[in-house]
Amino acid sequence: MQHIKKIALPFFIITFLFNLSACASPPNSAMGYNNQGASYAKSGRYDMALKYFNKALEIKPEFAGAYYNKGLAYGHKRMFSKAIKQFDRAIGINPNYADALDSRGLLYLITGKNKNKACADLKKACDLGVCKAFNMAEQKGDCS
């Protein structure tokens, strides 16, 4: 369990960077605000990032990626309950959002809130192609 805690936050950073859109978006669009928020988050300015993710959600309330990014930002701020709620919203919009399932599963393990839910999320994420955290948890005996 300690090993998972040590690598989980750096894992969030890597995931955050991969969630950025490869294409430029208009700055006042939902994707534009999301990308601006991701830029702030990348530089460690999570409060500012959250403001931009919220602006993206004002424009496009069903934007699963913005909820996911909010979850990552809250995770970096160690506000794990808020992070889980954002991942819940992203997954509610897209039940097959592998990165959100993976991140929520990691937070369930980190917080010790629900090992069964953690393993179910990590297993589903792996079934969808995101297996690193599940494989690690399985290897460490957290999930079998």
C-alpha atoms as a PDB file:
ATOM      1  CA  MET A   1       0.000   0.000   0.000  1.00  0.00           C
ATOM      2  CA  GLN A   2       2.830   2.422   0.794  1.00  0.00           C
ATOM      3  CA  HIS A   3       4.344   1.777  -2.640  1.00  0.00           C
ATOM      4  CA  ILE A   4       1.059   2.806  -4.278  1.00  0.00           C
ATOM      5  CA  LYS A   5       0.960   6.035  -2.285  1.00  0.00           C
ATOM      6  CA  LYS A   6       4.525   6.893  -3.335  1.00  0.00           C
ATOM      7  CA  ILE A   7       3.867   6.544  -7.047  1.00  0.00           C
ATOM      8  CA  ALA A   8       0.234   7.638  -7.281  1.00  0.00           C
ATOM      9  CA  LEU A   9       0.775  11.412  -7.327  1.00  0.00           C
ATOM     10  CA  PRO A  10       3.548  11.284  -9.948  1.00  0.00           C
ATOM     11  CA  PHE A  11       1.238   9.005 -11.906  1.00  0.00           C
ATOM     12  CA  PHE A  12      -1.439  11.724 -11.781  1.00  0.00           C
ATOM     13  CA  ILE A  13       1.051  14.178 -13.286  1.00  0.00           C
ATOM     14  CA  ILE A  14       1.811  11.841 -16.177  1.00  0.00           C
ATOM     15  CA  THR A  15      -1.884  11.185 -16.743  1.00  0.00           C
ATOM     16  CA  PHE A  16      -2.582  14.913 -16.631  1.00  0.00           C
ATOM     17  CA  LEU A  17      -0.069  15.591 -19.375  1.00  0.00           C
ATOM     18  CA  PHE A  18      -1.500  12.879 -21.616  1.00  0.00           C
ATOM     19  CA  ASN A  19      -5.032  14.237 -21.225  1.00  0.00           C
ATOM     20  CA  LEU A  20      -4.077  17.522 -22.919  1.00  0.00           C
ATOM     21  CA  SER A  21      -5.555  18.020 -26.342  1.00  0.00           C
ATOM     22  CA  ALA A  22      -3.051  17.756 -29.161  1.00  0.00           C
ATOM     23  CA  CYS A  23      -4.949  20.328 -31.205  1.00  0.00           C
ATOM     24  CA  ALA A  24      -5.223  24.032 -30.549  1.00  0.00           C
ATOM     25  CA  SER A  25      -8.731  25.109 -29.571  1.00  0.00           C
ATOM     26  CA  PRO A  26     -10.367  28.517 -29.604  1.00  0.00           C
ATOM     27  CA  PRO A  27      -9.496  30.169 -26.269  1.00  0.00           C
ATOM     28  CA  ASN A  28     -13.129  30.870 -25.334  1.00  0.00           C
ATOM     29  CA  SER A  29     -14.393  27.369 -26.116  1.00  0.00           C
ATOM     30  CA  ALA A  30     -14.893  24.606 -23.571  1.00  0.00           C
ATOM     31  CA  MET A  31     -11.818  22.816 -24.916  1.00  0.00           C
ATOM     32  CA  GLY A  32      -9.860  26.071 -24.911  1.00  0.00           C
ATOM     33  CA  TYR A  33     -10.656  26.714 -21.255  1.00  0.00           C
ATOM     34  CA  ASN A  34      -9.889  23.080 -20.435  1.00  0.00           C
ATOM     35  CA  ASN A  35      -6.512  23.347 -22.146  1.00  0.00           C
ATOM     36  CA  GLN A  36      -5.734  26.621 -20.355  1.00  0.00           C
ATOM     37  CA  GLY A  37      -6.616  24.931 -17.078  1.00  0.00           C
ATOM     38  CA  ALA A  38      -4.345  22.025 -17.939  1.00  0.00           C
ATOM     39  CA  SER A  39      -1.507  24.476 -18.618  1.00  0.00           C
ATOM     40  CA  TYR A  40      -1.983  26.049 -15.200  1.00  0.00           C
ATOM     41  CA  ALA A  41      -2.124  22.621 -13.582  1.00  0.00           C
ATOM     42  CA  LYS A  42       1.054  21.565 -15.367  1.00  0.00           C
ATOM     43  CA  SER A  43       2.826  24.497 -13.715  1.00  0.00           C
ATOM     44  CA  GLY A  44       1.395  23.605 -10.291  1.00  0.00           C
ATOM     45  CA  ARG A  45      -1.203  26.396 -10.200  1.00  0.00           C
ATOM     46  CA  TYR A  46      -4.122  24.143  -9.310  1.00  0.00           C
ATOM     47  CA  ASP A  47      -6.485  26.825  -8.002  1.00  0.00           C
ATOM     48  CA  MET A  48      -6.198  28.741 -11.263  1.00  0.00           C
ATOM     49  CA  ALA A  49      -6.562  25.494 -13.200  1.00  0.00           C
ATOM     50  CA  LEU A  50      -9.806  24.729 -11.366  1.00  0.00           C
ATOM     51  CA  LYS A  51     -11.208  28.119 -12.376  1.00  0.00           C
ATOM     52  CA  TYR A  52     -10.570  27.325 -16.041  1.00  0.00           C
ATOM     53  CA  PHE A  53     -12.002  23.811 -15.763  1.00  0.00           C
ATOM     54  CA  ASN A  54     -15.134  25.365 -14.228  1.00  0.00           C
ATOM     55  CA  LYS A  55     -15.362  27.828 -17.143  1.00  0.00           C
ATOM     56  CA  ALA A  56     -15.155  24.896 -19.538  1.00  0.00           C
ATOM     57  CA  LEU A  57     -18.008  23.216 -17.676  1.00  0.00           C
ATOM     58  CA  GLU A  58     -20.136  26.369 -17.798  1.00  0.00           C
ATOM     59  CA  ILE A  59     -19.960  26.160 -21.588  1.00  0.00           C
ATOM     60  CA  LYS A  60     -20.218  22.378 -21.859  1.00  0.00           C
ATOM     61  CA  PRO A  61     -21.701  20.824 -18.678  1.00  0.00           C
ATOM     62  CA  GLU A  62     -21.292  17.263 -19.970  1.00  0.00           C
ATOM     63  CA  PHE A  63     -17.551  17.623 -20.644  1.00  0.00           C
ATOM     64  CA  ALA A  64     -16.182  14.482 -18.980  1.00  0.00           C
ATOM     65  CA  GLY A  65     -12.582  15.520 -19.633  1.00  0.00           C
ATOM     66  CA  ALA A  66     -12.975  18.738 -17.642  1.00  0.00           C
ATOM     67  CA  TYR A  67     -14.402  16.809 -14.662  1.00  0.00           C
ATOM     68  CA  TYR A  68     -11.514  14.380 -14.969  1.00  0.00           C
ATOM     69  CA  ASN A  69      -8.992  17.239 -14.989  1.00  0.00           C
ATOM     70  CA  LYS A  70     -10.703  18.797 -11.970  1.00  0.00           C
ATOM     71  CA  GLY A  71     -10.305  15.457 -10.223  1.00  0.00           C
ATOM     72  CA  LEU A  72      -6.598  15.405 -11.018  1.00  0.00           C
ATOM     73  CA  ALA A  73      -6.190  18.985  -9.757  1.00  0.00           C
ATOM     74  CA  TYR A  74      -7.984  18.168  -6.506  1.00  0.00           C
ATOM     75  CA  GLY A  75      -5.844  15.044  -6.201  1.00  0.00           C
ATOM     76  CA  HIS A  76      -2.685  17.142  -6.453  1.00  0.00           C
ATOM     77  CA  LYS A  77      -4.088  19.404  -3.742  1.00  0.00           C
ATOM     78  CA  ARG A  78      -4.638  16.244  -1.640  1.00  0.00           C
ATOM     79  CA  MET A  79      -8.363  16.967  -1.563  1.00  0.00           C
ATOM     80  CA  PHE A  80      -9.138  13.345  -2.259  1.00  0.00           C
ATOM     81  CA  SER A  81     -12.879  13.337  -1.515  1.00  0.00           C
ATOM     82  CA  LYS A  82     -13.400  16.210  -3.947  1.00  0.00           C
ATOM     83  CA  ALA A  83     -11.197  14.452  -6.503  1.00  0.00           C
ATOM     84  CA  ILE A  84     -13.252  11.268  -6.238  1.00  0.00           C
ATOM     85  CA  LYS A  85     -16.471  13.257  -6.753  1.00  0.00           C
ATOM     86  CA  GLN A  86     -15.087  14.757  -9.953  1.00  0.00           C
ATOM     87  CA  PHE A  87     -14.035  11.334 -11.220  1.00  0.00           C
ATOM     88  CA  ASP A  88     -17.546  10.104 -10.338  1.00  0.00           C
ATOM     89  CA  ARG A  89     -19.000  12.843 -12.537  1.00  0.00           C
ATOM     90  CA  ALA A  90     -16.674  12.054 -15.433  1.00  0.00           C
ATOM     91  CA  ILE A  91     -17.550   8.359 -15.181  1.00  0.00           C
ATOM     92  CA  GLY A  92     -21.245   9.225 -14.904  1.00  0.00           C
ATOM     93  CA  ILE A  93     -20.991  10.949 -18.281  1.00  0.00           C
ATOM     94  CA  ASN A  94     -18.749   8.281 -19.806  1.00  0.00           C
ATOM     95  CA  PRO A  95     -18.887   4.944 -17.944  1.00  0.00           C
ATOM     96  CA  ASN A  96     -15.965   3.666 -20.033  1.00  0.00           C
ATOM     97  CA  TYR A  97     -13.606   6.554 -19.245  1.00  0.00           C
ATOM     98  CA  ALA A  98     -10.596   4.379 -18.470  1.00  0.00           C
ATOM     99  CA  ASP A  99      -8.347   7.151 -17.130  1.00  0.00           C
ATOM    100  CA  ALA A 100     -11.052   8.372 -14.737  1.00  0.00           C
ATOM    101  CA  LEU A 101     -11.731   4.821 -13.537  1.00  0.00           C
ATOM    102  CA  ASP A 102      -8.001   4.285 -13.058  1.00  0.00           C
ATOM    103  CA  SER A 103      -7.549   7.536 -11.115  1.00  0.00           C
ATOM    104  CA  ARG A 104     -10.608   6.939  -8.935  1.00  0.00           C
ATOM    105  CA  GLY A 105      -9.411   3.403  -8.217  1.00  0.00           C
ATOM    106  CA  LEU A 106      -5.990   4.700  -7.172  1.00  0.00           C
ATOM    107  CA  LEU A 107      -7.580   7.231  -4.835  1.00  0.00           C
ATOM    108  CA  TYR A 108      -9.774   4.567  -3.275  1.00  0.00           C
ATOM    109  CA  LEU A 109      -6.585   2.584  -2.544  1.00  0.00           C
ATOM    110  CA  ILE A 110      -4.684   5.631  -1.279  1.00  0.00           C
ATOM    111  CA  THR A 111      -7.468   6.677   1.072  1.00  0.00           C
ATOM    112  CA  GLY A 112      -8.343   3.133   2.118  1.00  0.00           C
ATOM    113  CA  LYS A 113     -12.011   4.014   1.615  1.00  0.00           C
ATOM    114  CA  ASN A 114     -13.109   1.019  -0.393  1.00  0.00           C
ATOM    115  CA  LYS A 115     -10.683  -1.627  -1.564  1.00  0.00           C
ATOM    116  CA  ASN A 116     -13.382  -3.554  -3.424  1.00  0.00           C
ATOM    117  CA  LYS A 117     -14.421  -0.467  -5.407  1.00  0.00           C
ATOM    118  CA  ALA A 118     -10.770   0.377  -6.008  1.00  0.00           C
ATOM    119  CA  CYS A 119     -10.041  -3.009  -7.491  1.00  0.00           C
ATOM    120  CA  ALA A 120     -13.249  -3.002  -9.547  1.00  0.00           C
ATOM    121  CA  ASP A 121     -12.350   0.404 -11.010  1.00  0.00           C
ATOM    122  CA  LEU A 122      -8.769  -0.615 -11.717  1.00  0.00           C
ATOM    123  CA  LYS A 123      -9.871  -3.895 -13.296  1.00  0.00           C
ATOM    124  CA  LYS A 124     -12.405  -2.140 -15.540  1.00  0.00           C
ATOM    125  CA  ALA A 125      -9.805   0.454 -16.529  1.00  0.00           C
ATOM    126  CA  CYS A 126      -7.450  -2.387 -17.415  1.00  0.00           C
ATOM    127  CA  ASP A 127     -10.174  -4.121 -19.427  1.00  0.00           C
ATOM    128  CA  LEU A 128     -10.444  -0.819 -21.333  1.00  0.00           C
ATOM    129  CA  GLY A 129      -6.688  -0.698 -21.946  1.00  0.00           C
ATOM    130  CA  VAL A 130      -5.265   1.256 -18.976  1.00  0.00           C
ATOM    131  CA  CYS A 131      -3.535  -1.442 -16.925  1.00  0.00           C
ATOM    132  CA  LYS A 132      -0.485   0.028 -15.196  1.00  0.00           C
ATOM    133  CA  ALA A 133      -2.172   0.766 -11.844  1.00  0.00           C
ATOM    134  CA  PHE A 134      -4.148  -2.482 -11.848  1.00  0.00           C
ATOM    135  CA  ASN A 135      -1.026  -4.530 -12.569  1.00  0.00           C
ATOM    136  CA  MET A 136       0.845  -2.715  -9.799  1.00  0.00           C
ATOM    137  CA  ALA A 137      -1.997  -3.191  -7.293  1.00  0.00           C
ATOM    138  CA  GLU A 138      -2.295  -6.839  -8.242  1.00  0.00           C
ATOM    139  CA  GLN A 139       1.457  -7.356  -7.869  1.00  0.00           C
ATOM    140  CA  LYS A 140       1.439  -5.719  -4.442  1.00  0.00           C
ATOM    141  CA  GLY A 141      -1.486  -7.868  -3.310  1.00  0.00           C
ATOM    142  CA  ASP A 142      -3.968  -5.012  -3.079  1.00  0.00           C
ATOM    143  CA  CYS A 143      -6.099  -6.481  -5.868  1.00  0.00           C
ATOM    144  CA  SER A 144      -6.295 -10.097  -6.941  1.00  0.00           C
END
